[in-house]
């Protein structure tokens, strides 16, 4: 194995590449073959999506959950997803005691749909076994963790990202209307979508 520096000038981080050789007797032979071998890499490719309309501390935890999953740390991913659910409730002003009550309050205040509340409770249940030290009770597979992160992403989309996108669309629409509208009374026959209730 050997250390390699990333050729991307914006990255330049070190990774370890390794391969198994057969019929290699000296270290110098291995070094000669390593650059042309099919290498295994550590760390693996890390996936860290960004959530631009999410509060920074929640965005960082959600991105880190995806990073955990991408390197096979399923339990870490699920534990962070649970933390994201609770932090999301607090960011929306829900301060009731306990994560169950926080999720229900988000639903009851129409911040999330009943379906998203169900998904959030699933994140809570899977995350609780890790948060409370019951690590061996129910093993969490990569597929299970991936599903939990999809639920987490849906929650963040519903609470933060979709409303922010709709707000930007509304503002652009209003700007276009003001820029294109004739001075004086509204032109006859002119109509448009009403965004007053958004």
Protein backbone atom coordinates (compact mmCIF):
# COMPACT_ATOMS: atom_id res chain seq x y z
CA UNK A 1 0.00 0.00 0.00
CA UNK A 2 1.04 3.58 -0.53
CA UNK A 3 -0.19 7.12 0.06
CA UNK A 4 -1.38 9.09 -2.96
CA UNK A 5 -2.16 12.78 -3.22
CA UNK A 6 -5.33 13.73 -5.11
CA UNK A 7 -4.48 15.32 -8.46
CA UNK A 8 -7.37 17.77 -8.15
CA UNK A 9 -5.71 21.04 -7.12
CA UNK A 10 -8.79 22.00 -5.10
CA UNK A 11 -8.48 18.81 -3.07
CA UNK A 12 -4.85 17.62 -2.82
CA UNK A 13 -5.76 15.33 0.10
CA UNK A 14 -3.98 12.08 0.80
CA UNK A 15 -5.61 8.69 0.28
CA UNK A 16 -4.22 5.22 0.78
CA UNK A 17 -4.26 2.91 -2.22
CA UNK A 18 -3.65 -0.78 -1.77
CA UNK A 19 -3.61 -3.96 -3.76
CA UNK A 20 -2.79 -7.61 -3.21
CA UNK A 21 -0.03 -9.06 -5.37
CA UNK A 22 0.79 -12.69 -5.88
CA UNK A 23 4.26 -13.93 -6.72
CA UNK A 24 5.89 -10.69 -5.59
CA UNK A 25 8.86 -11.43 -3.39
CA UNK A 26 10.43 -8.03 -2.75
CA UNK A 27 8.98 -4.75 -1.57
CA UNK A 28 10.63 -2.99 -4.52
CA UNK A 29 8.67 -5.22 -6.94
CA UNK A 30 5.42 -4.30 -5.21
CA UNK A 31 6.27 -0.60 -5.43
CA UNK A 32 6.93 -0.99 -9.14
CA UNK A 33 3.58 -2.73 -9.76
CA UNK A 34 1.42 -0.56 -7.48
CA UNK A 35 0.90 2.44 -9.83
CA UNK A 36 -0.57 0.19 -12.56
CA UNK A 37 -2.62 -2.06 -10.28
CA UNK A 38 -6.35 -1.89 -9.73
CA UNK A 39 -6.33 -0.27 -6.31
CA UNK A 40 -8.68 -0.35 -3.38
CA UNK A 41 -8.96 3.07 -1.72
CA UNK A 42 -9.23 4.30 1.84
CA UNK A 43 -11.10 6.41 2.55
CA UNK A 44 -13.74 5.41 0.07
CA UNK A 45 -15.40 8.05 -2.08
CA UNK A 46 -17.25 10.26 0.36
CA UNK A 47 -20.66 11.63 -0.60
CA UNK A 48 -21.57 14.91 1.10
CA UNK A 49 -24.59 16.58 -0.51
CA UNK A 50 -25.36 20.19 0.31
CA UNK A 51 -28.68 21.51 1.55
CA UNK A 52 -28.42 25.24 0.74
CA UNK A 53 -31.73 26.36 2.26
CA UNK A 54 -31.30 24.48 5.53
CA UNK A 55 -29.85 26.22 8.63
CA UNK A 56 -26.07 25.65 8.60
CA UNK A 57 -25.81 23.50 11.72
CA UNK A 58 -28.58 21.18 10.48
CA UNK A 59 -27.17 21.17 6.95
CA UNK A 60 -23.77 20.10 8.25
CA UNK A 61 -25.23 17.24 10.30
CA UNK A 62 -27.33 16.03 7.35
CA UNK A 63 -24.34 16.18 5.01
CA UNK A 64 -22.24 14.31 7.58
CA UNK A 65 -24.94 11.61 7.81
CA UNK A 66 -24.54 11.02 4.07
CA UNK A 67 -20.75 10.96 4.46
CA UNK A 68 -21.09 8.27 7.13
CA UNK A 69 -23.28 6.15 4.88
CA UNK A 70 -20.87 6.49 1.96
CA UNK A 71 -18.05 4.90 3.98
CA UNK A 72 -20.23 2.14 5.41
CA UNK A 73 -20.91 3.70 8.82
CA UNK A 74 -24.63 2.92 8.84
CA UNK A 75 -25.16 3.42 12.57
CA UNK A 76 -23.45 6.81 12.50
CA UNK A 77 -25.64 7.85 9.57
CA UNK A 78 -28.86 6.89 11.37
CA UNK A 79 -27.81 8.50 14.66
CA UNK A 80 -27.13 11.77 12.84
CA UNK A 81 -30.43 11.54 10.97
CA UNK A 82 -32.24 11.30 14.30
CA UNK A 83 -30.37 14.38 15.53
CA UNK A 84 -31.40 16.21 12.34
CA UNK A 85 -35.08 15.47 13.03
CA UNK A 86 -34.89 16.89 16.54
CA UNK A 87 -32.83 19.91 15.46
CA UNK A 88 -35.34 20.62 12.68
CA UNK A 89 -38.17 20.77 15.21
CA UNK A 90 -36.18 23.14 17.43
CA UNK A 91 -35.38 25.34 14.42
CA UNK A 92 -39.12 25.69 13.80
CA UNK A 93 -39.71 26.77 17.40
CA UNK A 94 -40.94 23.40 18.71
CA UNK A 95 -39.46 23.02 22.18
CA UNK A 96 -41.74 20.40 23.76
CA UNK A 97 -39.98 17.68 25.75
CA UNK A 98 -39.08 14.52 23.83
CA UNK A 99 -38.63 13.79 20.16
CA UNK A 100 -42.02 12.05 19.84
CA UNK A 101 -43.81 15.20 20.96
CA UNK A 102 -41.62 17.35 18.71
CA UNK A 103 -42.50 15.32 15.60
CA UNK A 104 -46.18 15.34 16.51
CA UNK A 105 -46.07 19.11 17.06
CA UNK A 106 -44.53 19.62 13.62
CA UNK A 107 -47.41 17.61 12.18
CA UNK A 108 -50.12 19.27 14.30
CA UNK A 109 -48.84 22.74 13.35
CA UNK A 110 -48.96 21.76 9.65
CA UNK A 111 -45.22 22.22 9.28
CA UNK A 112 -44.98 18.64 7.97
CA UNK A 113 -47.56 16.30 6.49
CA UNK A 114 -48.82 13.21 8.34
CA UNK A 115 -46.79 11.07 5.91
CA UNK A 116 -43.58 12.96 6.67
CA UNK A 117 -44.38 12.66 10.38
CA UNK A 118 -44.57 8.86 9.96
CA UNK A 119 -41.21 8.87 8.17
CA UNK A 120 -39.74 11.04 10.94
CA UNK A 121 -40.98 8.61 13.57
CA UNK A 122 -39.23 5.81 11.68
CA UNK A 123 -35.99 7.80 11.82
CA UNK A 124 -36.60 8.27 15.55
CA UNK A 125 -37.21 4.57 16.19
CA UNK A 126 -34.13 3.42 14.30
CA UNK A 127 -32.01 6.18 15.81
CA UNK A 128 -33.19 5.48 19.36
CA UNK A 129 -31.62 2.03 19.46
CA UNK A 130 -28.26 3.65 18.72
CA UNK A 131 -28.74 6.77 20.85
CA UNK A 132 -29.70 4.70 23.89
CA UNK A 133 -26.92 2.14 23.57
CA UNK A 134 -29.00 -0.79 22.28
CA UNK A 135 -26.56 -1.24 19.41
CA UNK A 136 -26.80 -5.01 19.03
CA UNK A 137 -30.58 -5.34 19.33
CA UNK A 138 -31.41 -4.56 15.70
CA UNK A 139 -28.50 -4.47 13.26
CA UNK A 140 -28.84 -1.66 10.71
CA UNK A 141 -27.95 -2.57 7.15
CA UNK A 142 -26.65 -0.16 4.53
CA UNK A 143 -30.02 -0.39 2.76
CA UNK A 144 -31.91 0.42 5.97
CA UNK A 145 -29.65 3.40 6.62
CA UNK A 146 -30.05 4.60 3.03
CA UNK A 147 -33.84 4.53 3.45
CA UNK A 148 -33.57 6.49 6.70
CA UNK A 149 -31.49 9.16 4.96
CA UNK A 150 -34.08 9.39 2.18
CA UNK A 151 -36.69 10.06 4.89
CA UNK A 152 -34.37 12.70 6.40
CA UNK A 153 -33.88 14.37 3.01
CA UNK A 154 -37.65 14.44 2.47
CA UNK A 155 -38.13 16.11 5.86
CA UNK A 156 -35.54 18.79 5.08
CA UNK A 157 -37.09 19.36 1.67
CA UNK A 158 -40.57 19.81 3.11
CA UNK A 159 -39.58 22.03 6.02
CA UNK A 160 -36.84 24.20 4.53
CA UNK A 161 -36.00 23.69 0.87
CA UNK A 162 -39.39 23.63 -0.84
CA UNK A 163 -40.72 26.73 0.96
CA UNK A 164 -37.49 28.61 0.15
CA UNK A 165 -37.74 27.59 -3.52
CA UNK A 166 -41.38 28.66 -3.70
CA UNK A 167 -40.51 31.98 -2.07
CA UNK A 168 -37.82 32.62 -4.69
CA UNK A 169 -40.25 31.71 -7.48
CA UNK A 170 -42.85 34.07 -6.02
CA UNK A 171 -40.34 36.92 -5.77
CA UNK A 172 -39.17 36.41 -9.37
CA UNK A 173 -42.77 36.30 -10.55
CA UNK A 174 -43.57 39.53 -8.73
CA UNK A 175 -40.46 41.20 -10.17
CA UNK A 176 -41.47 40.16 -13.69
CA UNK A 177 -45.00 41.41 -13.16
CA UNK A 178 -43.73 44.77 -11.93
CA UNK A 179 -41.20 45.05 -14.75
CA UNK A 180 -43.70 44.10 -17.48
CA UNK A 181 -46.82 45.75 -16.10
CA UNK A 182 -47.95 48.88 -17.94
CA UNK A 183 -48.14 52.07 -15.90
CA UNK A 184 -51.62 52.97 -14.75
CA UNK A 185 -54.57 50.57 -14.54
CA UNK A 186 -54.09 46.89 -15.27
CA UNK A 187 -54.40 46.06 -18.94
CA UNK A 188 -57.72 44.40 -19.84
CA UNK A 189 -57.71 40.64 -20.13
CA UNK A 190 -54.47 40.32 -18.23
CA UNK A 191 -54.34 37.50 -15.69
CA UNK A 192 -51.77 35.59 -13.72
CA UNK A 193 -51.34 33.15 -10.88
CA UNK A 194 -52.20 34.46 -7.43
CA UNK A 195 -49.29 33.87 -5.08
CA UNK A 196 -50.80 35.90 -2.27
CA UNK A 197 -51.47 32.83 -0.14
CA UNK A 198 -48.05 31.19 -0.56
